[in-house]
PDB file of all heavy atoms in Angstrom:
ATOM      1  N   TYR A   1     114.238 115.621  96.719  1.00  0.00           N
ATOM      2  CA  TYR A   1     115.597 115.334  97.263  1.00  0.00           C
ATOM      3  C   TYR A   1     115.939 113.940  96.996  1.00  0.00           C
ATOM      4  O   TYR A   1     117.092 113.561  96.503  1.00  0.00           O
ATOM      5  CB  TYR A   1     115.638 115.662  98.737  1.00  0.00           C
ATOM      6  CG  TYR A   1     116.960 115.423  99.446  1.00  0.00           C
ATOM      7  CD1 TYR A   1     118.159 115.760  98.864  1.00  0.00           C
ATOM      8  CD2 TYR A   1     117.000 114.721 100.602  1.00  0.00           C
ATOM      9  CE1 TYR A   1     119.453 115.592  99.491  1.00  0.00           C
ATOM     10  CE2 TYR A   1     118.201 114.485 101.293  1.00  0.00           C
ATOM     11  CZ  TYR A   1     119.317 114.885 100.756  1.00  0.00           C
ATOM     12  OH  TYR A   1     120.567 114.674 101.315  1.00  0.00           O
ATOM     13  N   ALA A   2     115.075 113.041  97.281  1.00  0.00           N
ATOM     14  CA  ALA A   2     115.350 111.601  97.057  1.00  0.00           C
ATOM     15  C   ALA A   2     115.581 111.242  95.565  1.00  0.00           C
ATOM     16  O   ALA A   2     116.331 110.414  95.234  1.00  0.00           O
ATOM     17  CB  ALA A   2     114.168 110.758  97.668  1.00  0.00           C
ATOM     18  N   LEU A   3     114.778 111.872  94.678  1.00  0.00           N
ATOM     19  CA  LEU A   3     114.917 111.719  93.303  1.00  0.00           C
ATOM     20  C   LEU A   3     116.356 112.272  92.818  1.00  0.00           C
ATOM     21  O   LEU A   3     117.014 111.644  91.981  1.00  0.00           O
ATOM     22  CB  LEU A   3     113.831 112.479  92.471  1.00  0.00           C
ATOM     23  CG  LEU A   3     112.438 111.753  92.482  1.00  0.00           C
ATOM     24  CD1 LEU A   3     111.389 112.760  91.964  1.00  0.00           C
ATOM     25  CD2 LEU A   3     112.430 110.436  91.814  1.00  0.00           C
ATOM     26  N   ASP A   4     116.663 113.379  93.341  1.00  0.00           N
ATOM     27  CA  ASP A   4     117.989 113.976  93.037  1.00  0.00           C
ATOM     28  C   ASP A   4     119.097 113.052  93.380  1.00  0.00           C
ATOM     29  O   ASP A   4     120.186 112.960  92.744  1.00  0.00           O
ATOM     30  CB  ASP A   4     118.228 115.321  93.690  1.00  0.00           C
ATOM     31  CG  ASP A   4     117.308 116.439  93.123  1.00  0.00           C
ATOM     32  OD1 ASP A   4     116.853 116.265  91.986  1.00  0.00           O
ATOM     33  OD2 ASP A   4     117.098 117.451  93.786  1.00  0.00           O
ATOM     34  N   GLN A   5     118.976 112.322  94.538  1.00  0.00           N
ATOM     35  CA  GLN A   5     120.049 111.396  95.080  1.00  0.00           C
ATOM     36  C   GLN A   5     119.882 110.006  94.404  1.00  0.00           C
ATOM     37  O   GLN A   5     120.723 109.221  94.676  1.00  0.00           O
ATOM     38  CB  GLN A   5     119.895 111.355  96.590  1.00  0.00           C
ATOM     39  CG  GLN A   5     120.106 112.680  97.339  1.00  0.00           C
ATOM     40  CD  GLN A   5     121.393 113.307  96.971  1.00  0.00           C
ATOM     41  OE1 GLN A   5     122.432 112.650  96.864  1.00  0.00           O
ATOM     42  NE2 GLN A   5     121.365 114.611  96.877  1.00  0.00           N
ATOM     43  N   ARG A   6     118.797 109.754  93.628  1.00  0.00           N
ATOM     44  CA  ARG A   6     118.713 108.559  92.927  1.00  0.00           C
ATOM     45  C   ARG A   6     118.513 107.359  93.932  1.00  0.00           C
ATOM     46  O   ARG A   6     119.347 106.341  93.797  1.00  0.00           O
ATOM     47  CB  ARG A   6     119.828 108.341  91.969  1.00  0.00           C
ATOM     48  CG  ARG A   6     119.804 109.384  90.880  1.00  0.00           C
ATOM     49  CD  ARG A   6     120.841 109.205  89.882  1.00  0.00           C
ATOM     50  NE  ARG A   6     120.902 110.179  88.783  1.00  0.00           N
ATOM     51  CZ  ARG A   6     121.554 110.184  87.710  1.00  0.00           C
ATOM     52  NH1 ARG A   6     122.493 109.218  87.467  1.00  0.00           N
ATOM     53  NH2 ARG A   6     121.475 111.170  86.878  1.00  0.00           N
ATOM     54  N   VAL A   7     117.623 107.393  94.805  1.00  0.00           N
ATOM     55  CA  VAL A   7     117.351 106.271  95.723  1.00  0.00           C
ATOM     56  C   VAL A   7     116.851 105.076  95.030  1.00  0.00           C
ATOM     57  O   VAL A   7     116.399 105.179  93.777  1.00  0.00           O
ATOM     58  CB  VAL A   7     116.265 106.687  96.845  1.00  0.00           C
ATOM     59  CG1 VAL A   7     116.853 107.780  97.695  1.00  0.00           C
ATOM     60  CG2 VAL A   7     114.961 107.033  96.192  1.00  0.00           C
ATOM     61  N   LEU A   8     117.040 103.864  95.615  1.00  0.00           N
ATOM     62  CA  LEU A   8     116.613 102.656  94.980  1.00  0.00           C
ATOM     63  C   LEU A   8     115.131 102.640  94.667  1.00  0.00           C
ATOM     64  O   LEU A   8     114.752 102.246  93.583  1.00  0.00           O
ATOM     65  CB  LEU A   8     116.996 101.489  95.890  1.00  0.00           C
ATOM     66  CG  LEU A   8     116.477 100.110  95.456  1.00  0.00           C
ATOM     67  CD1 LEU A   8     117.174  99.751  94.195  1.00  0.00           C
ATOM     68  CD2 LEU A   8     116.735  99.098  96.604  1.00  0.00           C
ATOM     69  N   SER A   9     114.348 103.091  95.638  1.00  0.00           N
ATOM     70  CA  SER A   9     112.895 102.956  95.478  1.00  0.00           C
ATOM     71  C   SER A   9     112.093 103.723  96.491  1.00  0.00           C
ATOM     72  O   SER A   9     112.583 103.880  97.621  1.00  0.00           O
ATOM     73  CB  SER A   9     112.428 101.465  95.529  1.00  0.00           C
ATOM     74  OG  SER A   9     111.012 101.294  95.369  1.00  0.00           O
ATOM     75  N   PHE A  10     110.943 104.187  96.082  1.00  0.00           N
ATOM     76  CA  PHE A  10     109.968 104.749  97.062  1.00  0.00           C
ATOM     77  C   PHE A  10     108.981 103.677  97.409  1.00  0.00           C
ATOM     78  O   PHE A  10     108.421 103.046  96.441  1.00  0.00           O
ATOM     79  CB  PHE A  10     109.150 105.928  96.427  1.00  0.00           C
ATOM     80  CG  PHE A  10     109.964 107.166  96.218  1.00  0.00           C
ATOM     81  CD1 PHE A  10     110.693 107.340  94.968  1.00  0.00           C
ATOM     82  CD2 PHE A  10     110.007 108.172  97.094  1.00  0.00           C
ATOM     83  CE1 PHE A  10     111.346 108.454  94.697  1.00  0.00           C
ATOM     84  CE2 PHE A  10     110.739 109.359  96.820  1.00  0.00           C
ATOM     85  CZ  PHE A  10     111.436 109.510  95.675  1.00  0.00           C
ATOM     86  N   ASN A  11     108.707 103.369  98.643  1.00  0.00           N
ATOM     87  CA  ASN A  11     107.657 102.467  99.071  1.00  0.00           C
ATOM     88  C   ASN A  11     106.361 103.294  99.057  1.00  0.00           C
ATOM     89  O   ASN A  11     106.170 104.131  99.996  1.00  0.00           O
ATOM     90  CB  ASN A  11     107.991 101.894 100.523  1.00  0.00           C
ATOM     91  CG  ASN A  11     109.094 100.853 100.412  1.00  0.00           C
ATOM     92  OD1 ASN A  11     109.583 100.454  99.368  1.00  0.00           O
ATOM     93  ND2 ASN A  11     109.664 100.591 101.589  1.00  0.00           N
ATOM     94  N   VAL A  12     105.413 102.992  98.228  1.00  0.00           N
ATOM     95  CA  VAL A  12     104.223 103.743  98.033  1.00  0.00           C
ATOM     96  C   VAL A  12     103.106 103.214  98.891  1.00  0.00           C
ATOM     97  O   VAL A  12     102.801 101.992  98.797  1.00  0.00           O
ATOM     98  CB  VAL A  12     103.881 103.801  96.522  1.00  0.00           C
ATOM     99  CG1 VAL A  12     102.533 104.619  96.405  1.00  0.00           C
ATOM    100  CG2 VAL A  12     104.929 104.424  95.722  1.00  0.00           C
ATOM    101  N   GLU A  13     102.577 104.032  99.735  1.00  0.00           N
ATOM    102  CA  GLU A  13     101.534 103.625 100.711  1.00  0.00           C
ATOM    103  C   GLU A  13     100.140 103.669 100.166  1.00  0.00           C
ATOM    104  O   GLU A  13      99.185 103.018 100.705  1.00  0.00           O
ATOM    105  CB  GLU A  13     101.586 104.513 101.925  1.00  0.00           C
ATOM    106  CG  GLU A  13     102.890 104.356 102.717  1.00  0.00           C
ATOM    107  CD  GLU A  13     102.794 103.264 103.708  1.00  0.00           C
ATOM    108  OE1 GLU A  13     101.667 102.725 103.880  1.00  0.00           O
ATOM    109  OE2 GLU A  13     103.828 102.861 104.297  1.00  0.00           O
ATOM    110  N   SER A  14      99.866 104.462  99.134  1.00  0.00           N
ATOM    111  CA  SER A  14      98.528 104.695  98.641  1.00  0.00           C
ATOM    112  C   SER A  14      98.472 105.149  97.222  1.00  0.00           C
ATOM    113  O   SER A  14      99.437 105.595  96.682  1.00  0.00           O
ATOM    114  CB  SER A  14      97.777 105.682  99.590  1.00  0.00           C
ATOM    115  OG  SER A  14      98.392 107.024  99.373  1.00  0.00           O
ATOM    116  N   GLU A  15      97.308 105.128  96.669  1.00  0.00           N
ATOM    117  CA  GLU A  15      97.083 105.680  95.218  1.00  0.00           C
ATOM    118  C   GLU A  15      97.407 107.118  95.264  1.00  0.00           C
ATOM    119  O   GLU A  15      97.918 107.583  94.221  1.00  0.00           O
ATOM    120  CB  GLU A  15      95.747 105.307  94.795  1.00  0.00           C
ATOM    121  CG  GLU A  15      95.514 103.877  94.633  1.00  0.00           C
ATOM    122  CD  GLU A  15      94.004 103.513  94.225  1.00  0.00           C
ATOM    123  OE1 GLU A  15      93.592 103.997  93.104  1.00  0.00           O
ATOM    124  OE2 GLU A  15      93.322 102.854  95.055  1.00  0.00           O
ATOM    125  N   ALA A  16      96.979 107.842  96.216  1.00  0.00           N
ATOM    126  CA  ALA A  16      97.214 109.347  96.315  1.00  0.00           C
ATOM    127  C   ALA A  16      98.665 109.656  96.284  1.00  0.00           C
ATOM    128  O   ALA A  16      99.178 110.542  95.740  1.00  0.00           O
ATOM    129  CB  ALA A  16      96.540 109.894  97.493  1.00  0.00           C
ATOM    130  N   GLU A  17      99.450 108.803  97.084  1.00  0.00           N
ATOM    131  CA  GLU A  17     100.885 109.060  97.081  1.00  0.00           C
ATOM    132  C   GLU A  17     101.575 108.722  95.756  1.00  0.00           C
ATOM    133  O   GLU A  17     102.457 109.363  95.337  1.00  0.00           O
ATOM    134  CB  GLU A  17     101.544 108.185  98.247  1.00  0.00           C
ATOM    135  CG  GLU A  17     102.999 108.463  98.408  1.00  0.00           C
ATOM    136  CD  GLU A  17     103.679 107.556  99.424  1.00  0.00           C
ATOM    137  OE1 GLU A  17     103.178 107.532 100.614  1.00  0.00           O
ATOM    138  OE2 GLU A  17     104.773 106.952  99.147  1.00  0.00           O
ATOM    139  N   LEU A  18     101.062 107.656  95.142  1.00  0.00           N
ATOM    140  CA  LEU A  18     101.577 107.299  93.835  1.00  0.00           C
ATOM    141  C   LEU A  18     101.454 108.479  92.902  1.00  0.00           C
ATOM    142  O   LEU A  18     102.316 108.869  92.101  1.00  0.00           O
ATOM    143  CB  LEU A  18     100.839 106.063  93.323  1.00  0.00           C
ATOM    144  CG  LEU A  18     101.248 105.634  91.922  1.00  0.00           C
ATOM    145  CD1 LEU A  18     102.666 105.226  91.768  1.00  0.00           C
ATOM    146  CD2 LEU A  18     100.320 104.496  91.360  1.00  0.00           C
ATOM    147  N   ALA A  19     100.269 109.037  92.882  1.00  0.00           N
ATOM    148  CA  ALA A  19      99.973 110.284  92.000  1.00  0.00           C
ATOM    149  C   ALA A  19     100.900 111.445  92.391  1.00  0.00           C
ATOM    150  O   ALA A  19     101.335 112.113  91.494  1.00  0.00           O
ATOM    151  CB  ALA A  19      98.444 110.626  92.130  1.00  0.00           C
ATOM    152  N   ALA A  20     101.180 111.620  93.645  1.00  0.00           N
ATOM    153  CA  ALA A  20     102.002 112.736  94.079  1.00  0.00           C
ATOM    154  C   ALA A  20     103.431 112.507  93.654  1.00  0.00           C
ATOM    155  O   ALA A  20     104.128 113.473  93.132  1.00  0.00           O
ATOM    156  CB  ALA A  20     101.924 112.836  95.582  1.00  0.00           C
ATOM    157  N   ILE A  21     103.895 111.318  93.750  1.00  0.00           N
ATOM    158  CA  ILE A  21     105.337 110.960  93.302  1.00  0.00           C
ATOM    159  C   ILE A  21     105.443 111.188  91.816  1.00  0.00           C
ATOM    160  O   ILE A  21     106.322 111.724  91.264  1.00  0.00           O
ATOM    161  CB  ILE A  21     105.682 109.528  93.757  1.00  0.00           C
ATOM    162  CG1 ILE A  21     105.816 109.495  95.261  1.00  0.00           C
ATOM    163  CG2 ILE A  21     106.977 109.164  93.150  1.00  0.00           C
ATOM    164  CD1 ILE A  21     106.131 108.126  95.795  1.00  0.00           C
ATOM    165  N   ASP A  22     104.376 110.690  91.108  1.00  0.00           N
ATOM    166  CA  ASP A  22     104.392 110.910  89.600  1.00  0.00           C
ATOM    167  C   ASP A  22     104.406 112.383  89.249  1.00  0.00           C
ATOM    168  O   ASP A  22     105.146 112.784  88.275  1.00  0.00           O
ATOM    169  CB  ASP A  22     103.159 110.169  89.044  1.00  0.00           C
ATOM    170  CG  ASP A  22     103.015 110.371  87.532  1.00  0.00           C
ATOM    171  OD1 ASP A  22     103.870 109.966  86.785  1.00  0.00           O
ATOM    172  OD2 ASP A  22     102.023 111.028  87.056  1.00  0.00           O
ATOM    173  N   ARG A  23     103.632 113.134  89.987  1.00  0.00           N
ATOM    174  CA  ARG A  23     103.573 114.567  89.654  1.00  0.00           C
ATOM    175  C   ARG A  23     104.936 115.278  89.862  1.00  0.00           C
ATOM    176  O   ARG A  23     105.425 116.037  89.036  1.00  0.00           O
ATOM    177  CB  ARG A  23     102.549 115.283  90.481  1.00  0.00           C
ATOM    178  CG  ARG A  23     102.306 116.688  90.294  1.00  0.00           C
ATOM    179  CD  ARG A  23     101.008 117.220  90.888  1.00  0.00           C
ATOM    180  NE  ARG A  23     101.119 117.004  92.354  1.00  0.00           N
ATOM    181  CZ  ARG A  23     100.382 116.075  93.071  1.00  0.00           C
ATOM    182  NH1 ARG A  23      99.581 115.252  92.461  1.00  0.00           N
ATOM    183  NH2 ARG A  23     100.485 116.061  94.395  1.00  0.00           N
ATOM    184  N   VAL A  24     105.588 114.933  90.948  1.00  0.00           N
ATOM    185  CA  VAL A  24     106.943 115.490  91.245  1.00  0.00           C
ATOM    186  C   VAL A  24     107.926 115.030  90.206  1.00  0.00           C
ATOM    187  O   VAL A  24     108.780 115.853  89.803  1.00  0.00           O
ATOM    188  CB  VAL A  24     107.435 115.125  92.672  1.00  0.00           C
ATOM    189  CG1 VAL A  24     108.813 115.631  92.976  1.00  0.00           C
ATOM    190  CG2 VAL A  24     106.397 115.801  93.728  1.00  0.00           C
ATOM    191  N   ALA A  25     107.976 113.761  89.891  1.00  0.00           N
ATOM    192  CA  ALA A  25     108.897 113.226  88.918  1.00  0.00           C
ATOM    193  C   ALA A  25     108.678 113.902  87.549  1.00  0.00           C
ATOM    194  O   ALA A  25     109.629 114.221  86.825  1.00  0.00           O
ATOM    195  CB  ALA A  25     108.743 111.678  88.863  1.00  0.00           C
ATOM    196  N   ARG A  26     107.428 114.094  87.233  1.00  0.00           N
ATOM    197  CA  ARG A  26     107.163 114.729  85.906  1.00  0.00           C
ATOM    198  C   ARG A  26     107.615 116.186  85.876  1.00  0.00           C
ATOM    199  O   ARG A  26     108.170 116.634  84.862  1.00  0.00           O
ATOM    200  CB  ARG A  26     105.585 114.732  85.730  1.00  0.00           C
ATOM    201  CG  ARG A  26     105.233 115.239  84.272  1.00  0.00           C
ATOM    202  CD  ARG A  26     103.777 114.896  83.984  1.00  0.00           C
ATOM    203  NE  ARG A  26     102.780 115.530  84.939  1.00  0.00           N
ATOM    204  CZ  ARG A  26     102.071 114.829  85.803  1.00  0.00           C
ATOM    205  NH1 ARG A  26     102.226 113.515  85.946  1.00  0.00           N
ATOM    206  NH2 ARG A  26     101.266 115.477  86.650  1.00  0.00           N
ATOM    207  N   SER A  27     107.560 116.883  86.991  1.00  0.00           N
ATOM    208  CA  SER A  27     108.031 118.287  87.013  1.00  0.00           C
ATOM    209  C   SER A  27     109.508 118.384  86.903  1.00  0.00           C
ATOM    210  O   SER A  27     110.104 119.273  86.486  1.00  0.00           O
ATOM    211  CB  SER A  27     107.600 118.847  88.321  1.00  0.00           C
ATOM    212  OG  SER A  27     108.325 118.454  89.448  1.00  0.00           O
ATOM    213  N   LYS A  28     110.262 117.206  87.321  1.00  0.00           N
ATOM    214  CA  LYS A  28     111.695 117.203  87.211  1.00  0.00           C
ATOM    215  C   LYS A  28     112.135 116.509  85.912  1.00  0.00           C
ATOM    216  O   LYS A  28     113.410 116.431  85.651  1.00  0.00           O
ATOM    217  CB  LYS A  28     112.296 116.524  88.453  1.00  0.00           C
ATOM    218  CG  LYS A  28     111.954 117.207  89.739  1.00  0.00           C
ATOM    219  CD  LYS A  28     112.636 116.480  90.918  1.00  0.00           C
ATOM    220  CE  LYS A  28     114.083 116.511  90.949  1.00  0.00           C
ATOM    221  NZ  LYS A  28     114.688 117.884  91.127  1.00  0.00           N
ATOM    222  N   GLY A  29     111.264 115.968  85.093  1.00  0.00           N
ATOM    223  CA  GLY A  29     111.581 115.309  83.873  1.00  0.00           C
ATOM    224  C   GLY A  29     112.356 113.984  84.140  1.00  0.00           C
ATOM    225  O   GLY A  29     113.173 113.626  83.342  1.00  0.00           O
TER     226      GLY A  29
END
């Protein structure tokens, strides 16, 4: 949802979260 709305930035708390955000972004191209 946040990617669709084009938020300024995700504040990433951990390496695991970074990987999760990358995975979701990749699925949406």
